[in-house]
Structures are given as structure tokens and as C-alpha cells.
Amino acid sequence: MLIDIRDITKVYEMGQEQVHALSGVTLGVARGEYVAVMGPSGSGKSTLMNLIGCLDTPTSGSYVLNGREVARMTDDELAAIRNQEIGFVFQTFNLLPRTNALQQVELPLVYSGLPRRERRERAVQALEAVGLADRMSHQPNELSGGQRQRVAVARALINNP
């Protein structure tokens, strides 16, 4: 099992109140399997995705990713997983405002330590693959919503997660 989540809970402290975002979630996802997470607003979809993506930690329960217990990983190990093994496309895309499309896509490769020339070549190929060869030097405010989304997709896939 690539993703093995057992009895996960997530509780947020909101002042004096506790918000139970997830309660006893169990999920298994095999390598190559496609899964859709659906539900009404406020049902915990984003919280679950943040846990799966190692952006947050559960209050209780077990999360094993690719045979490794996530709770036992160091911050550096989690950062490496987020950079190499998981591709993120955020709802709001999270593009840097004063960074062109090519630089946006190159960013995960910078953290991977690739040489500049190889980063540039791979980022160009990724943008070409999403149909943005003519928009590489454009900043987010110069792109349509769909184009921003494609930049985010290219960035998410650049490290072949």
C-alpha cells in the first residue's frame, strides 16, 4: 500500500473550543490507483489532503507512506518527501507574484539541487507539455486563471512525484 492511513483524527484548538476536522479516518491507496476525495464544504477534505501531503500532522492515528511511518520522520525527511514524492496543485495555485512561469516551475528543482541549465531545460519542457511555451516569461498577473492552473500543474509534476 502506498498510502496507509488508519484511524486518523485531527483536532484544531480554536481558543477555548476544539474543532474535530477528522475523526477515525481509515484509507488505503495502492500505487497507481486513482482516488477522489469528495464531500460537502467543511467535511475535512482539505485537512485530509494536508495530512496526506505531509503538510500537517494528525492528532492521533497512523499514517504510513510508502512503507514509512510519517510521524517518525524528521522535518528534513518530510521536506524531501514534499519535494520529490508528492506533487501539489493548490486550490489557489500558490504562485509567487513577482516570479515568471518558468521560474515558478523551476522552483522545486532548485530545492532538489539540480544545476541551473538542467533546471531550465526541464522547466521549459514541462511548460511546453501544458501548452504554455509562449507564456514562460509571464508573471501570474499576466496569465489567465486556466494558464495559472497549468503553471501550477507543471510545477507539481516537475520532479516526477
N, C-alpha and C. Protein backbone atom coordinates (compact mmCIF):
# COMPACT_ATOMS: atom_id res chain seq x y z
N MET A 1 0.84 -1.17 0.00
CA MET A 1 0.00 0.00 0.00
C MET A 1 0.89 1.25 0.00
N LEU A 2 0.67 2.14 -0.93
CA LEU A 2 1.44 3.39 -0.99
C LEU A 2 1.05 4.33 0.14
N ILE A 3 -0.25 4.50 0.34
CA ILE A 3 -0.77 5.33 1.43
C ILE A 3 -1.62 4.44 2.31
N ASP A 4 -1.26 4.35 3.59
CA ASP A 4 -1.99 3.52 4.54
C ASP A 4 -2.30 4.36 5.77
N ILE A 5 -3.54 4.82 5.84
CA ILE A 5 -3.98 5.68 6.94
C ILE A 5 -4.96 4.88 7.79
N ARG A 6 -4.71 4.88 9.09
CA ARG A 6 -5.57 4.11 9.99
C ARG A 6 -6.00 4.96 11.18
N ASP A 7 -7.31 5.11 11.29
CA ASP A 7 -7.96 5.75 12.45
C ASP A 7 -7.37 7.14 12.75
N ILE A 8 -7.18 7.93 11.69
CA ILE A 8 -6.63 9.28 11.83
C ILE A 8 -7.68 10.23 12.40
N THR A 9 -7.25 11.04 13.35
CA THR A 9 -8.07 12.15 13.84
C THR A 9 -7.25 13.42 13.73
N LYS A 10 -7.95 14.53 13.57
CA LYS A 10 -7.30 15.85 13.59
C LYS A 10 -8.22 16.80 14.34
N VAL A 11 -7.68 17.35 15.41
CA VAL A 11 -8.42 18.28 16.24
C VAL A 11 -7.65 19.60 16.27
N TYR A 12 -8.35 20.68 15.94
CA TYR A 12 -7.77 22.02 16.00
C TYR A 12 -8.26 22.73 17.25
N GLU A 13 -7.36 23.41 17.91
CA GLU A 13 -7.72 24.23 19.07
C GLU A 13 -8.05 25.63 18.57
N MET A 14 -9.28 26.06 18.78
CA MET A 14 -9.73 27.39 18.37
C MET A 14 -10.13 28.15 19.62
N GLY A 15 -9.13 28.74 20.28
CA GLY A 15 -9.40 29.40 21.56
C GLY A 15 -9.76 28.36 22.60
N GLN A 16 -10.94 28.50 23.17
CA GLN A 16 -11.41 27.55 24.18
C GLN A 16 -12.12 26.35 23.55
N GLU A 17 -12.33 26.40 22.25
CA GLU A 17 -13.09 25.38 21.56
C GLU A 17 -12.18 24.41 20.80
N GLN A 18 -12.64 23.19 20.66
CA GLN A 18 -11.96 22.20 19.84
C GLN A 18 -12.80 21.91 18.60
N VAL A 19 -12.14 21.91 17.44
CA VAL A 19 -12.81 21.57 16.20
C VAL A 19 -12.28 20.22 15.74
N HIS A 20 -13.18 19.25 15.63
CA HIS A 20 -12.82 17.91 15.18
C HIS A 20 -12.96 17.85 13.67
N ALA A 21 -11.85 18.08 12.97
CA ALA A 21 -11.87 18.12 11.50
C ALA A 21 -11.92 16.73 10.89
N LEU A 22 -11.24 15.77 11.51
CA LEU A 22 -11.26 14.37 11.07
C LEU A 22 -11.45 13.49 12.29
N SER A 23 -12.21 12.45 12.13
CA SER A 23 -12.48 11.56 13.25
C SER A 23 -12.50 10.11 12.78
N GLY A 24 -11.42 9.39 13.04
CA GLY A 24 -11.37 7.96 12.74
C GLY A 24 -11.33 7.62 11.26
N VAL A 25 -10.59 8.38 10.47
CA VAL A 25 -10.50 8.13 9.03
C VAL A 25 -9.49 7.02 8.76
N THR A 26 -9.92 6.05 7.96
CA THR A 26 -9.05 4.97 7.51
C THR A 26 -9.12 4.93 5.99
N LEU A 27 -7.95 4.86 5.36
CA LEU A 27 -7.88 4.93 3.91
C LEU A 27 -6.63 4.19 3.43
N GLY A 28 -6.77 3.43 2.38
CA GLY A 28 -5.63 2.78 1.74
C GLY A 28 -5.63 3.10 0.26
N VAL A 29 -4.47 3.49 -0.26
CA VAL A 29 -4.34 3.79 -1.68
C VAL A 29 -3.12 3.03 -2.20
N ALA A 30 -3.35 2.20 -3.21
CA ALA A 30 -2.27 1.43 -3.82
C ALA A 30 -1.55 2.28 -4.86
N ARG A 31 -0.30 1.95 -5.13
CA ARG A 31 0.46 2.64 -6.16
C ARG A 31 -0.28 2.52 -7.50
N GLY A 32 -0.42 3.65 -8.19
CA GLY A 32 -1.08 3.67 -9.48
C GLY A 32 -2.60 3.81 -9.41
N GLU A 33 -3.14 3.72 -8.22
CA GLU A 33 -4.59 3.84 -8.04
C GLU A 33 -5.00 5.32 -8.04
N TYR A 34 -6.16 5.60 -8.60
CA TYR A 34 -6.72 6.95 -8.59
C TYR A 34 -7.85 7.01 -7.57
N VAL A 35 -7.84 8.06 -6.77
CA VAL A 35 -8.84 8.22 -5.73
C VAL A 35 -9.37 9.65 -5.76
N ALA A 36 -10.68 9.80 -5.61
CA ALA A 36 -11.29 11.12 -5.49
C ALA A 36 -11.78 11.28 -4.06
N VAL A 37 -11.49 12.43 -3.47
CA VAL A 37 -11.97 12.75 -2.14
C VAL A 37 -13.08 13.77 -2.31
N MET A 38 -14.29 13.38 -1.94
CA MET A 38 -15.46 14.24 -2.17
C MET A 38 -16.24 14.42 -0.88
N GLY A 39 -16.93 15.55 -0.79
CA GLY A 39 -17.79 15.79 0.36
C GLY A 39 -18.16 17.25 0.43
N PRO A 40 -19.10 17.57 1.29
CA PRO A 40 -19.55 18.96 1.40
C PRO A 40 -18.49 19.86 2.03
N SER A 41 -18.66 21.14 1.87
CA SER A 41 -17.77 22.12 2.48
C SER A 41 -17.71 21.88 3.99
N GLY A 42 -16.48 21.88 4.52
CA GLY A 42 -16.31 21.70 5.96
C GLY A 42 -16.26 20.25 6.41
N SER A 43 -16.22 19.31 5.47
CA SER A 43 -16.24 17.89 5.85
C SER A 43 -14.85 17.31 6.14
N GLY A 44 -13.78 18.10 5.90
CA GLY A 44 -12.44 17.63 6.23
C GLY A 44 -11.58 17.24 5.03
N LYS A 45 -12.04 17.52 3.82
CA LYS A 45 -11.27 17.14 2.62
C LYS A 45 -9.89 17.81 2.60
N SER A 46 -9.85 19.10 2.81
CA SER A 46 -8.56 19.82 2.79
C SER A 46 -7.66 19.37 3.92
N THR A 47 -8.24 19.13 5.09
CA THR A 47 -7.44 18.64 6.22
C THR A 47 -6.83 17.29 5.88
N LEU A 48 -7.62 16.40 5.30
CA LEU A 48 -7.10 15.09 4.90
C LEU A 48 -5.99 15.22 3.87
N MET A 49 -6.18 16.08 2.88
CA MET A 49 -5.16 16.26 1.85
C MET A 49 -3.87 16.85 2.44
N ASN A 50 -4.01 17.77 3.41
CA ASN A 50 -2.82 18.33 4.06
C ASN A 50 -2.06 17.26 4.85
N LEU A 51 -2.78 16.32 5.44
CA LEU A 51 -2.12 15.22 6.15
C LEU A 51 -1.44 14.27 5.17
N ILE A 52 -2.15 13.90 4.11
CA ILE A 52 -1.58 13.00 3.10
C ILE A 52 -0.33 13.63 2.47
N GLY A 53 -0.36 14.94 2.25
CA GLY A 53 0.76 15.64 1.63
C GLY A 53 1.88 16.00 2.59
N CYS A 54 1.77 15.56 3.84
CA CYS A 54 2.80 15.82 4.87
C CYS A 54 2.96 17.31 5.14
N LEU A 55 1.90 18.07 4.96
CA LEU A 55 1.91 19.50 5.30
C LEU A 55 1.44 19.72 6.72
N ASP A 56 0.80 18.71 7.30
CA ASP A 56 0.28 18.78 8.66
C ASP A 56 0.40 17.39 9.27
N THR A 57 0.23 17.31 10.57
CA THR A 57 0.33 16.03 11.26
C THR A 57 -0.99 15.72 11.95
N PRO A 58 -1.35 14.45 12.04
CA PRO A 58 -2.60 14.09 12.71
C PRO A 58 -2.48 14.23 14.22
N THR A 59 -3.63 14.40 14.85
CA THR A 59 -3.67 14.42 16.31
C THR A 59 -3.46 13.01 16.85
N SER A 60 -4.04 12.04 16.17
CA SER A 60 -3.83 10.63 16.54
C SER A 60 -4.04 9.77 15.32
N GLY A 61 -3.66 8.51 15.46
CA GLY A 61 -3.79 7.57 14.35
C GLY A 61 -2.45 7.32 13.69
N SER A 62 -2.47 6.53 12.64
CA SER A 62 -1.24 6.12 11.96
C SER A 62 -1.31 6.46 10.48
N TYR A 63 -0.21 7.00 9.97
CA TYR A 63 -0.08 7.28 8.54
C TYR A 63 1.24 6.72 8.06
N VAL A 64 1.17 5.69 7.22
CA VAL A 64 2.34 5.06 6.64
C VAL A 64 2.36 5.41 5.15
N LEU A 65 3.41 6.07 4.72
CA LEU A 65 3.57 6.48 3.33
C LEU A 65 4.73 5.70 2.73
N ASN A 66 4.42 4.90 1.74
CA ASN A 66 5.44 4.12 1.04
C ASN A 66 6.28 3.30 2.01
N GLY A 67 5.61 2.70 3.01
CA GLY A 67 6.28 1.82 3.97
C GLY A 67 6.93 2.52 5.14
N ARG A 68 6.80 3.85 5.24
CA ARG A 68 7.45 4.59 6.32
C ARG A 68 6.41 5.35 7.15
N GLU A 69 6.50 5.21 8.46
CA GLU A 69 5.59 5.92 9.37
C GLU A 69 5.93 7.40 9.35
N VAL A 70 4.99 8.22 8.92
CA VAL A 70 5.21 9.65 8.75
C VAL A 70 5.53 10.33 10.09
N ALA A 71 4.91 9.89 11.16
CA ALA A 71 5.13 10.51 12.48
C ALA A 71 6.58 10.37 12.95
N ARG A 72 7.30 9.40 12.42
CA ARG A 72 8.69 9.18 12.84
C ARG A 72 9.71 9.92 11.97
N MET A 73 9.24 10.63 10.97
CA MET A 73 10.14 11.31 10.05
C MET A 73 10.59 12.66 10.62
N THR A 74 11.82 13.03 10.29
CA THR A 74 12.33 14.34 10.68
C THR A 74 11.77 15.41 9.74
N ASP A 75 11.93 16.66 10.12
CA ASP A 75 11.49 17.76 9.26
C ASP A 75 12.18 17.71 7.90
N ASP A 76 13.47 17.36 7.89
CA ASP A 76 14.21 17.27 6.62
C ASP A 76 13.67 16.13 5.75
N GLU A 77 13.34 15.00 6.36
CA GLU A 77 12.77 13.88 5.61
C GLU A 77 11.41 14.26 5.03
N LEU A 78 10.60 14.95 5.81
CA LEU A 78 9.29 15.39 5.33
C LEU A 78 9.43 16.39 4.19
N ALA A 79 10.39 17.30 4.30
CA ALA A 79 10.63 18.27 3.23
C ALA A 79 11.04 17.55 1.95
N ALA A 80 11.89 16.53 2.07
CA ALA A 80 12.33 15.77 0.90
C ALA A 80 11.14 15.04 0.26
N ILE A 81 10.26 14.50 1.06
CA ILE A 81 9.07 13.83 0.53
C ILE A 81 8.20 14.82 -0.21
N ARG A 82 7.98 16.00 0.38
CA ARG A 82 7.15 17.02 -0.28
C ARG A 82 7.78 17.48 -1.59
N ASN A 83 9.10 17.47 -1.66
CA ASN A 83 9.78 17.92 -2.87
C ASN A 83 9.87 16.84 -3.94
N GLN A 84 10.08 15.59 -3.54
CA GLN A 84 10.37 14.53 -4.50
C GLN A 84 9.22 13.56 -4.76
N GLU A 85 8.38 13.33 -3.77
CA GLU A 85 7.41 12.24 -3.88
C GLU A 85 5.96 12.68 -4.03
N ILE A 86 5.67 13.94 -3.71
CA ILE A 86 4.29 14.41 -3.75
C ILE A 86 4.23 15.69 -4.58
N GLY A 87 3.33 15.74 -5.53
CA GLY A 87 3.14 16.95 -6.33
C GLY A 87 1.88 17.67 -5.88
N PHE A 88 2.00 18.94 -5.59
CA PHE A 88 0.88 19.72 -5.07
C PHE A 88 0.35 20.69 -6.12
N VAL A 89 -0.97 20.70 -6.29
CA VAL A 89 -1.64 21.75 -7.03
C VAL A 89 -2.67 22.30 -6.06
N PHE A 90 -2.39 23.47 -5.52
CA PHE A 90 -3.26 24.06 -4.52
C PHE A 90 -4.47 24.72 -5.18
N GLN A 91 -5.55 24.82 -4.44
CA GLN A 91 -6.78 25.40 -4.94
C GLN A 91 -6.55 26.82 -5.44
N THR A 92 -5.70 27.57 -4.75
CA THR A 92 -5.40 28.95 -5.16
C THR A 92 -4.07 29.03 -5.92
N PHE A 93 -3.51 27.89 -6.29
CA PHE A 93 -2.29 27.72 -7.09
C PHE A 93 -1.00 28.11 -6.37
N ASN A 94 -1.04 29.07 -5.42
CA ASN A 94 0.14 29.47 -4.64
C ASN A 94 1.33 29.84 -5.51
N LEU A 95 1.09 30.60 -6.56
CA LEU A 95 2.18 31.10 -7.40
C LEU A 95 2.78 32.34 -6.77
N LEU A 96 4.08 32.52 -6.93
CA LEU A 96 4.76 33.69 -6.39
C LEU A 96 4.47 34.88 -7.30
N PRO A 97 4.03 36.01 -6.74
CA PRO A 97 3.52 37.12 -7.56
C PRO A 97 4.52 37.76 -8.51
N ARG A 98 5.79 37.85 -8.15
CA ARG A 98 6.77 38.52 -9.00
C ARG A 98 7.77 37.55 -9.62
N THR A 99 7.28 36.36 -9.93
CA THR A 99 8.12 35.30 -10.50
C THR A 99 7.45 34.78 -11.76
N ASN A 100 8.19 34.74 -12.86
CA ASN A 100 7.57 34.31 -14.12
C ASN A 100 7.28 32.81 -14.11
N ALA A 101 6.53 32.37 -15.10
CA ALA A 101 6.09 30.98 -15.18
C ALA A 101 7.26 30.00 -15.17
N LEU A 102 8.31 30.32 -15.92
CA LEU A 102 9.46 29.43 -15.98
C LEU A 102 10.11 29.28 -14.61
N GLN A 103 10.28 30.38 -13.91
CA GLN A 103 10.88 30.34 -12.57
C GLN A 103 9.99 29.61 -11.57
N GLN A 104 8.66 29.75 -11.72
CA GLN A 104 7.72 29.05 -10.84
C GLN A 104 7.94 27.54 -10.95
N VAL A 105 8.06 27.07 -12.19
CA VAL A 105 8.20 25.64 -12.43
C VAL A 105 9.59 25.14 -12.03
N GLU A 106 10.58 25.99 -12.15
CA GLU A 106 11.96 25.62 -11.76
C GLU A 106 12.12 25.47 -10.25
N LEU A 107 11.29 26.14 -9.47
CA LEU A 107 11.50 26.22 -8.02
C LEU A 107 11.69 24.87 -7.33
N PRO A 108 10.85 23.86 -7.56
CA PRO A 108 11.10 22.57 -6.89
C PRO A 108 12.45 21.96 -7.28
N LEU A 109 12.92 22.25 -8.48
CA LEU A 109 14.21 21.73 -8.93
C LEU A 109 15.37 22.42 -8.22
N VAL A 110 15.16 23.68 -7.85
CA VAL A 110 16.17 24.40 -7.07
C VAL A 110 16.38 23.67 -5.74
N TYR A 111 15.26 23.33 -5.09
CA TYR A 111 15.34 22.62 -3.81
C TYR A 111 15.90 21.22 -3.97
N SER A 112 15.80 20.66 -5.16
CA SER A 112 16.38 19.34 -5.43
C SER A 112 17.88 19.41 -5.69
N GLY A 113 18.41 20.61 -5.89
CA GLY A 113 19.84 20.79 -6.09
C GLY A 113 20.32 20.56 -7.50
N LEU A 114 19.41 20.59 -8.48
CA LEU A 114 19.83 20.40 -9.87
C LEU A 114 20.57 21.62 -10.39
N PRO A 115 21.53 21.42 -11.29
CA PRO A 115 22.23 22.55 -11.90
C PRO A 115 21.27 23.42 -12.70
N ARG A 116 21.57 24.70 -12.77
CA ARG A 116 20.71 25.70 -13.41
C ARG A 116 20.30 25.30 -14.84
N ARG A 117 21.25 24.84 -15.62
CA ARG A 117 20.96 24.50 -17.01
C ARG A 117 19.93 23.37 -17.12
N GLU A 118 20.11 22.32 -16.30
CA GLU A 118 19.17 21.20 -16.31
C GLU A 118 17.80 21.64 -15.80
N ARG A 119 17.78 22.49 -14.76
CA ARG A 119 16.50 23.03 -14.26
C ARG A 119 15.75 23.75 -15.37
N ARG A 120 16.47 24.60 -16.07
CA ARG A 120 15.86 25.39 -17.14
C ARG A 120 15.29 24.49 -18.23
N GLU A 121 16.06 23.51 -18.66
CA GLU A 121 15.61 22.61 -19.73
C GLU A 121 14.36 21.84 -19.32
N ARG A 122 14.36 21.31 -18.11
CA ARG A 122 13.21 20.54 -17.64
C ARG A 122 11.98 21.42 -17.46
N ALA A 123 12.18 22.64 -16.95
CA ALA A 123 11.05 23.55 -16.76
C ALA A 123 10.45 23.97 -18.10
N VAL A 124 11.31 24.22 -19.09
CA VAL A 124 10.82 24.56 -20.43
C VAL A 124 9.98 23.41 -20.98
N GLN A 125 10.48 22.18 -20.85
CA GLN A 125 9.75 21.00 -21.34
C GLN A 125 8.40 20.86 -20.64
N ALA A 126 8.38 21.10 -19.34
CA ALA A 126 7.13 20.97 -18.57
C ALA A 126 6.11 22.01 -19.02
N LEU A 127 6.57 23.24 -19.24
CA LEU A 127 5.64 24.28 -19.70
C LEU A 127 5.17 24.02 -21.12
N GLU A 128 6.04 23.50 -21.95
CA GLU A 128 5.62 23.11 -23.30
C GLU A 128 4.56 22.01 -23.23
N ALA A 129 4.73 21.07 -22.31
CA ALA A 129 3.80 19.95 -22.18
C ALA A 129 2.40 20.40 -21.76
N VAL A 130 2.30 21.53 -21.05
CA VAL A 130 0.99 22.04 -20.64
C VAL A 130 0.51 23.18 -21.54
N GLY A 131 1.18 23.35 -22.68
CA GLY A 131 0.74 24.32 -23.67
C GLY A 131 1.06 25.77 -23.35
N LEU A 132 2.12 26.01 -22.60
CA LEU A 132 2.47 27.38 -22.21
C LEU A 132 3.84 27.81 -22.71
N ALA A 133 4.29 27.27 -23.83
CA ALA A 133 5.60 27.62 -24.37
C ALA A 133 5.70 29.12 -24.65
N ASP A 134 4.59 29.73 -25.02
CA ASP A 134 4.58 31.16 -25.36
C ASP A 134 4.35 32.06 -24.15
N ARG A 135 4.23 31.48 -22.95
CA ARG A 135 3.93 32.28 -21.75
C ARG A 135 5.00 32.14 -20.66
N MET A 136 6.15 31.60 -20.99
CA MET A 136 7.17 31.30 -19.98
C MET A 136 7.67 32.53 -19.23
N SER A 137 7.72 33.67 -19.89
CA SER A 137 8.25 34.87 -19.25
C SER A 137 7.16 35.70 -18.58
N HIS A 138 5.93 35.22 -18.58
CA HIS A 138 4.82 35.97 -17.99
C HIS A 138 4.70 35.70 -16.49
N GLN A 139 4.37 36.76 -15.76
CA GLN A 139 4.11 36.64 -14.32
C GLN A 139 2.65 36.27 -14.11
N PRO A 140 2.29 35.77 -12.91
CA PRO A 140 0.93 35.31 -12.68
C PRO A 140 -0.17 36.32 -13.04
N ASN A 141 0.06 37.60 -12.76
CA ASN A 141 -0.97 38.60 -13.06
C ASN A 141 -1.13 38.83 -14.57
N GLU A 142 -0.24 38.26 -15.36
CA GLU A 142 -0.33 38.36 -16.82
C GLU A 142 -0.90 37.09 -17.45
N LEU A 143 -1.35 36.16 -16.61
CA LEU A 143 -1.88 34.88 -17.07
C LEU A 143 -3.35 34.76 -16.69
N SER A 144 -4.10 34.04 -17.50
CA SER A 144 -5.50 33.75 -17.17
C SER A 144 -5.53 32.73 -16.03
N GLY A 145 -6.71 32.52 -15.46
CA GLY A 145 -6.85 31.52 -14.40
C GLY A 145 -6.45 30.13 -14.86
N GLY A 146 -6.86 29.76 -16.07
CA GLY A 146 -6.50 28.45 -16.61
C GLY A 146 -5.01 28.31 -16.84
N GLN A 147 -4.38 29.39 -17.28
CA GLN A 147 -2.93 29.35 -17.50
C GLN A 147 -2.20 29.25 -16.17
N ARG A 148 -2.68 29.95 -15.16
CA ARG A 148 -2.07 29.84 -13.81
C ARG A 148 -2.18 28.41 -13.31
N GLN A 149 -3.33 27.81 -13.55
CA GLN A 149 -3.53 26.43 -13.12
C GLN A 149 -2.55 25.50 -13.83
N ARG A 150 -2.31 25.71 -15.10
CA ARG A 150 -1.37 24.86 -15.84
C ARG A 150 0.07 25.07 -15.37
N VAL A 151 0.43 26.29 -14.98
CA VAL A 151 1.75 26.53 -14.39
C VAL A 151 1.86 25.72 -13.09
N ALA A 152 0.81 25.76 -12.28
CA ALA A 152 0.81 25.01 -11.02
C ALA A 152 0.91 23.50 -11.27
N VAL A 153 0.26 23.00 -12.30
CA VAL A 153 0.33 21.58 -12.64
C VAL A 153 1.74 21.22 -13.10
N ALA A 154 2.33 22.06 -13.95
CA ALA A 154 3.71 21.80 -14.41
C ALA A 154 4.67 21.79 -13.23
N ARG A 155 4.49 22.72 -12.30
CA ARG A 155 5.35 22.78 -11.11
C ARG A 155 5.15 21.54 -10.25
N ALA A 156 3.92 21.07 -10.12
CA ALA A 156 3.65 19.90 -9.30
C ALA A 156 4.27 18.63 -9.89
N LEU A 157 4.37 18.56 -11.20
CA LEU A 157 4.86 17.34 -11.86
C LEU A 157 6.35 17.36 -12.20
N ILE A 158 7.02 18.50 -12.01
CA ILE A 158 8.40 18.68 -12.48
C ILE A 158 9.38 17.67 -11.90
N ASN A 159 9.16 17.20 -10.69
CA ASN A 159 10.06 16.22 -10.06
C ASN A 159 9.59 14.78 -10.24
N ASN A 160 8.61 14.56 -11.13
CA ASN A 160 8.07 13.22 -11.35
C ASN A 160 7.67 12.53 -10.04
N PRO A 161 6.79 13.18 -9.26
CA PRO A 161 6.43 12.61 -7.94
C PRO A 161 5.67 11.29 -8.08
